[in-house]
Each structure stands twice: as C-alpha cells, then as structure tokens.
Amino acid sequence: MSRPDGTPAEVMHGLYPFLYDHDRDHDGRTGRTTGRNGLGTAEVEAEAVRSAAEKTGEIVRLRERMGAESAAELAACAEEMAARFAAGGRLFSFGNGGSSTDAQEVATAFLQPCDGPALPALCLTGDVAVVTALSNDVGFEVVFARQLAALGRPGDIAVGLSTSGGSANVVRAFEEAAERGMLTVGLAGGGGGRLAELAERGVLHHLFVVPSSSVHRIQEAQTTLYHVLRELTWHALGPAPTPRAHSPG
C-alpha cells in the first residue's frame, strides 16, 4: 500500500481542510465563529455533507464500472471456484494492513455465511503466533508463501488482496500457490502493480483491478467484488442437497 506524502497532520488537512482550521475568531456582536478561511460552523457542516456526498458518488460510480467491466470474469472465476470447492478444495486468503482485514472477511464470508452453504476457508493472517514466528525467523516476505507450502494442495484456492498490487509477500504467496496447482485470484488497485505482471505470466488465473488511486475507494470496491464473487460461487454450486429423512423403526 502506497503512503501519501507529508506528515500525518498534513495528509489529514489535505483530505479534510475544513476540519483542520484551528485559528478561529469569535464575533461577539453576531455570535458567529469563523476560521481563517471565513467559514462558520454551519458552513463547515455543509462542506462536510458535500464531501461525504462526493465520496459516496465516487464509490457508486466505481462499483458500477467494475460491475460492467468485470461481470464476465467474475462469473468465470466463480465457476472455477465452485468446481474446486465441489471437488474438496479449500480457500486461503491473505493481505496486509487493511487488506488483511478484508482477507479475514473473505474467509468468514465463505466459512460462516449468513445464508448459503458453509465452505472451507482460512485466512492466513489470523494466527498471530504463525505470522510473527515466520516474520521473525524467516522473513515477512514469505509469511504467506510458507503457510501455503505447508497447507496448500492442488485443487485449493488462493485469494490475495493488495491495494497497490505490489506487496512482496502477496506476490510470493501467489507464486507458491501456482506451483502447487492452486487456483489463484487477486484483487488490486491502480494499474495492478506486480500482480498485473503475474497475470501476464499466467501465475494469476484471475485478477480484478480497481481503477483508482484512492486506497479508500479501492478497498470499498474490493469489498463489493469479493462479496459478489461469494454469491456467484454459491449459485454456481447449486442448491445444497436436502438431508434424507430416516423412516422410524
């Protein structure tokens, strides 16, 4: 994940300038408080509403674009995932930072769904002891690859998330997964970064790239993508078999 330039305070001020106007003047005659930009409380609130509406519009348009451009590949990917699950395959998810949180949600969505069949899934960021041991004793760049080397097998599924597409440990994990005959599915942002290179080499079977430079918009769109992928996979698997009734006696 790339970091914005500047100190944290400068970055936040750039994102929300109307909230970081510390030099305020109070007009005792009118009772109106204004900042150095001349905005009063009402104006600041209005600007906050405008900013929220603008960001909401951005993610709605981005999701609509991804839906239009990725519908066919999402359906194809779901069919392949369903075939792997039906044959006894398992899903392993991974990512860093905010993408780690998304990776945990990916596993949870398949393993403990609100509706639909439960499918075997494990997030590789969930075991702190394993993650810290590998990071300390071997290196953080192999923290996911080593787990796939131990747990993965042909027919399994590897789902990795990276907003930049450049996370070294995600790249290494996909390379390991491909060597083991796993189905590889990547979610990235921007231009796809190093994950786009893996897709060109055939290491990544499916890559969904969110065309945005905003980490926030990328992660919001990726959330939609993997939930849609989960729904399509369930549909591809078909209805769960109805348990046979046992006759008394």
Protein backbone atom coordinates (compact mmCIF):
# COMPACT_ATOMS: atom_id res chain seq x y z
CA MET A 1 0.00 0.00 0.00
CA SER A 2 1.48 3.32 -1.00
CA ARG A 3 1.55 6.15 1.54
CA PRO A 4 0.51 9.76 0.86
CA ASP A 5 3.29 12.33 1.01
CA GLY A 6 3.66 14.58 4.07
CA THR A 7 3.22 14.22 7.81
CA PRO A 8 0.01 12.62 9.13
CA ALA A 9 -1.30 16.08 10.09
CA GLU A 10 -0.58 17.43 6.60
CA VAL A 11 -2.22 14.43 4.98
CA MET A 12 -5.38 14.76 7.09
CA HIS A 13 -5.51 18.51 6.46
CA GLY A 14 -5.31 17.83 2.74
CA LEU A 15 -8.19 15.38 2.93
CA TYR A 16 -10.40 17.45 5.21
CA PRO A 17 -9.19 21.08 5.21
CA PHE A 18 -12.47 22.38 6.57
CA LEU A 19 -11.98 20.33 9.78
CA TYR A 20 -8.41 21.47 10.46
CA ASP A 21 -8.85 25.23 10.67
CA HIS A 22 -7.52 25.92 14.15
CA ASP A 23 -7.25 29.72 14.00
CA ARG A 24 -10.81 30.77 14.80
CA ASP A 25 -12.31 34.15 15.56
CA HIS A 26 -15.48 34.77 17.51
CA ASP A 27 -17.62 37.79 16.70
CA GLY A 28 -19.20 38.86 19.98
CA ARG A 29 -21.70 41.08 18.19
CA THR A 30 -23.09 38.41 15.86
CA GLY A 31 -22.16 35.35 17.92
CA ARG A 32 -20.66 33.81 14.79
CA THR A 33 -17.40 31.82 14.99
CA THR A 34 -15.30 31.64 11.85
CA GLY A 35 -11.98 30.07 10.90
CA ARG A 36 -9.20 31.64 8.92
CA ASN A 37 -10.95 30.54 5.74
CA GLY A 38 -14.00 32.53 6.78
CA LEU A 39 -16.25 29.50 7.24
CA GLY A 40 -18.60 29.37 10.19
CA THR A 41 -19.95 26.28 11.90
CA ALA A 42 -22.88 25.97 9.52
CA GLU A 43 -20.60 26.29 6.51
CA VAL A 44 -18.23 23.64 7.89
CA GLU A 45 -21.15 21.25 8.40
CA ALA A 46 -22.37 21.93 4.87
CA GLU A 47 -18.89 21.29 3.49
CA ALA A 48 -18.69 18.01 5.42
CA VAL A 49 -22.01 16.93 3.90
CA ARG A 50 -20.82 17.92 0.42
CA SER A 51 -17.57 16.00 0.87
CA ALA A 52 -19.39 12.87 2.07
CA ALA A 53 -21.81 13.05 -0.87
CA GLU A 54 -18.93 13.46 -3.31
CA LYS A 55 -17.09 10.41 -1.93
CA THR A 56 -20.31 8.37 -1.97
CA GLY A 57 -20.81 9.28 -5.61
CA GLU A 58 -17.24 8.23 -6.41
CA ILE A 59 -17.62 4.74 -4.96
CA VAL A 60 -21.03 4.21 -6.54
CA ARG A 61 -19.66 5.07 -9.97
CA LEU A 62 -16.59 2.91 -9.38
CA ARG A 63 -18.67 -0.08 -8.34
CA GLU A 64 -20.90 0.34 -11.38
CA ARG A 65 -17.85 0.48 -13.63
CA MET A 66 -16.32 -2.62 -12.06
CA GLY A 67 -19.63 -4.45 -12.43
CA ALA A 68 -19.84 -3.59 -16.12
CA GLU A 69 -16.21 -4.37 -16.91
CA SER A 70 -15.67 -7.44 -14.71
CA ALA A 71 -19.02 -9.25 -14.86
CA ALA A 72 -17.89 -11.96 -17.29
CA GLU A 73 -14.63 -12.69 -15.48
CA LEU A 74 -16.35 -12.70 -12.08
CA ALA A 75 -18.78 -15.31 -13.38
CA ALA A 76 -15.96 -17.39 -14.88
CA CYS A 77 -13.92 -17.15 -11.69
CA ALA A 78 -16.92 -18.20 -9.59
CA GLU A 79 -17.49 -21.26 -11.81
CA GLU A 80 -13.87 -22.33 -11.31
CA MET A 81 -14.04 -21.72 -7.57
CA ALA A 82 -17.27 -23.72 -7.34
CA ALA A 83 -15.65 -26.62 -9.18
CA ARG A 84 -12.72 -26.56 -6.75
CA PHE A 85 -14.99 -26.47 -3.70
CA ALA A 86 -17.15 -29.28 -5.11
CA ALA A 87 -14.03 -31.42 -5.51
CA GLY A 88 -12.98 -30.84 -1.90
CA GLY A 89 -10.85 -27.75 -2.37
CA ARG A 90 -10.29 -25.13 0.32
CA LEU A 91 -9.86 -21.36 0.15
CA PHE A 92 -6.89 -19.48 1.66
CA SER A 93 -6.97 -15.68 1.84
CA PHE A 94 -4.24 -13.17 2.68
CA GLY A 95 -3.26 -9.47 2.59
CA ASN A 96 -1.56 -6.73 4.62
CA GLY A 97 -2.96 -3.96 6.79
CA GLY A 98 -6.48 -3.05 5.69
CA SER A 99 -6.25 -5.81 3.11
CA SER A 100 -5.59 -8.24 5.97
CA THR A 101 -8.93 -7.23 7.45
CA ASP A 102 -10.56 -7.80 4.07
CA ALA A 103 -8.83 -11.18 3.77
CA GLN A 104 -10.37 -12.19 7.10
CA GLU A 105 -13.79 -11.11 5.84
CA VAL A 106 -13.29 -13.15 2.66
CA ALA A 107 -12.66 -16.30 4.71
CA THR A 108 -15.54 -15.54 7.07
CA ALA A 109 -17.94 -14.89 4.20
CA PHE A 110 -17.33 -18.37 2.79
CA LEU A 111 -16.91 -20.25 6.07
CA GLN A 112 -19.69 -18.63 8.12
CA PRO A 113 -22.21 -17.18 5.67
CA CYS A 114 -25.47 -15.56 6.70
CA ASP A 115 -27.14 -17.76 4.10
CA GLY A 116 -25.92 -20.39 1.68
CA PRO A 117 -23.60 -23.35 2.30
CA ALA A 118 -20.55 -23.08 4.54
CA LEU A 119 -17.37 -23.63 2.54
CA PRO A 120 -13.88 -24.42 3.89
CA ALA A 121 -11.82 -21.23 4.13
CA LEU A 122 -8.88 -19.97 6.19
CA CYS A 123 -7.31 -16.52 6.45
CA LEU A 124 -3.51 -16.73 6.67
CA THR A 125 -3.28 -13.58 8.79
CA GLY A 126 -5.41 -14.98 11.61
CA ASP A 127 -2.82 -16.97 13.57
CA VAL A 128 -0.61 -14.36 15.28
CA ALA A 129 1.86 -16.96 16.51
CA VAL A 130 2.47 -18.29 12.99
CA VAL A 131 2.64 -14.83 11.42
CA THR A 132 5.10 -13.46 13.98
CA ALA A 133 7.23 -16.62 14.03
CA LEU A 134 7.65 -16.62 10.25
CA SER A 135 8.26 -12.87 10.18
CA ASN A 136 10.89 -13.05 12.90
CA ASP A 137 12.64 -16.32 12.00
CA VAL A 138 12.42 -16.34 8.20
CA GLY A 139 11.19 -13.03 6.79
CA PHE A 140 7.96 -11.13 6.30
CA GLU A 141 8.10 -11.56 2.53
CA VAL A 142 7.39 -15.31 2.90
CA VAL A 143 4.82 -15.09 5.70
CA PHE A 144 2.01 -16.29 3.41
CA ALA A 145 4.03 -18.43 0.99
CA ARG A 146 5.38 -20.64 3.80
CA GLN A 147 1.86 -21.26 5.09
CA LEU A 148 0.66 -22.22 1.62
CA ALA A 149 3.65 -24.51 1.25
CA ALA A 150 2.56 -26.31 4.42
CA LEU A 151 -1.21 -26.27 3.94
CA GLY A 152 -1.95 -25.85 0.24
CA ARG A 153 -2.57 -28.66 -2.21
CA PRO A 154 -3.69 -28.98 -5.84
CA GLY A 155 -7.34 -28.03 -6.17
CA ASP A 156 -7.28 -25.38 -3.43
CA ILE A 157 -7.92 -21.66 -3.97
CA ALA A 158 -5.63 -18.71 -3.08
CA VAL A 159 -7.23 -15.27 -2.80
CA GLY A 160 -4.86 -12.35 -2.20
CA LEU A 161 -5.62 -8.65 -1.79
CA SER A 162 -3.31 -5.66 -2.26
CA THR A 163 -4.44 -2.10 -2.92
CA SER A 164 -1.16 -1.30 -4.68
CA GLY A 165 -0.64 -4.71 -6.24
CA GLY A 166 2.97 -4.51 -5.10
CA SER A 167 3.04 -6.35 -1.76
CA ALA A 168 6.06 -8.66 -1.91
CA ASN A 169 4.58 -11.28 0.41
CA VAL A 170 1.37 -11.42 -1.62
CA VAL A 171 3.40 -11.88 -4.82
CA ARG A 172 5.45 -14.68 -3.23
CA ALA A 173 2.28 -16.36 -1.99
CA PHE A 174 0.76 -16.42 -5.47
CA GLU A 175 3.94 -17.86 -6.93
CA GLU A 176 3.89 -20.62 -4.31
CA ALA A 177 0.18 -21.27 -4.88
CA ALA A 178 0.64 -21.54 -8.65
CA GLU A 179 3.47 -24.06 -8.19
CA ARG A 180 1.14 -26.17 -6.06
CA GLY A 181 -1.66 -26.24 -8.63
CA MET A 182 -3.96 -23.90 -6.75
CA LEU A 183 -6.48 -21.56 -8.39
CA THR A 184 -5.13 -18.02 -7.89
CA VAL A 185 -7.40 -14.97 -7.55
CA GLY A 186 -6.02 -11.47 -6.98
CA LEU A 187 -7.63 -8.13 -6.12
CA ALA A 188 -5.58 -4.97 -6.68
CA GLY A 189 -5.92 -1.27 -7.39
CA GLY A 190 -4.40 1.37 -9.62
CA GLY A 191 -2.72 -0.35 -12.54
CA GLY A 192 -2.43 -3.72 -10.81
CA GLY A 193 1.28 -3.35 -9.94
CA ARG A 194 3.28 -6.57 -9.68
CA LEU A 195 0.08 -8.62 -9.63
CA ALA A 196 -0.60 -7.48 -13.20
CA GLU A 197 2.81 -8.89 -14.13
CA LEU A 198 1.88 -12.21 -12.51
CA ALA A 199 -1.33 -12.28 -14.52
CA GLU A 200 0.61 -11.73 -17.73
CA ARG A 201 2.89 -14.64 -16.81
CA GLY A 202 -0.05 -16.92 -16.09
CA VAL A 203 0.72 -17.14 -12.37
CA LEU A 204 -2.56 -15.38 -11.55
CA HIS A 205 -5.60 -17.01 -13.10
CA HIS A 206 -7.94 -14.13 -12.28
CA LEU A 207 -7.04 -10.53 -11.42
CA PHE A 208 -9.59 -7.84 -10.62
CA VAL A 209 -8.05 -4.35 -10.71
CA VAL A 210 -9.98 -1.38 -9.28
CA PRO A 211 -9.07 1.64 -11.47
CA SER A 212 -8.49 4.19 -8.72
CA SER A 213 -5.56 5.84 -6.94
CA SER A 214 -7.52 6.22 -3.70
CA VAL A 215 -6.85 3.48 -1.14
CA HIS A 216 -10.28 4.14 0.38
CA ARG A 217 -12.17 3.73 -2.90
CA ILE A 218 -10.09 0.67 -3.87
CA GLN A 219 -10.87 -1.16 -0.63
CA GLU A 220 -14.55 -0.22 -0.80
CA ALA A 221 -14.80 -1.58 -4.34
CA GLN A 222 -12.84 -4.72 -3.45
CA THR A 223 -15.33 -5.42 -0.65
CA THR A 224 -18.11 -5.41 -3.23
CA LEU A 225 -16.09 -7.61 -5.59
CA TYR A 226 -15.41 -10.43 -3.16
CA HIS A 227 -18.96 -10.45 -1.82
CA VAL A 228 -20.29 -10.69 -5.37
CA LEU A 229 -17.78 -13.45 -6.05
CA ARG A 230 -19.03 -15.33 -2.99
CA GLU A 231 -22.67 -15.03 -4.14
CA LEU A 232 -21.81 -16.19 -7.67
CA THR A 233 -19.85 -19.15 -6.29
CA TRP A 234 -22.85 -20.25 -4.24
CA HIS A 235 -25.10 -20.02 -7.29
CA ALA A 236 -22.59 -21.99 -9.35
CA LEU A 237 -22.53 -24.74 -6.70
CA GLY A 238 -26.30 -25.06 -6.89
CA PRO A 239 -28.70 -25.81 -4.03
CA ALA A 240 -27.40 -27.81 -1.11
CA PRO A 241 -28.66 -31.40 -1.10
CA THR A 242 -31.69 -31.99 1.10
CA PRO A 243 -30.94 -34.37 4.00
CA ARG A 244 -32.63 -37.74 3.61
CA ALA A 245 -35.39 -38.44 6.10
CA HIS A 246 -34.95 -41.56 8.21
CA SER A 247 -38.01 -43.77 8.46
CA PRO A 248 -38.90 -44.81 12.02
CA GLY A 249 -38.02 -48.31 13.08
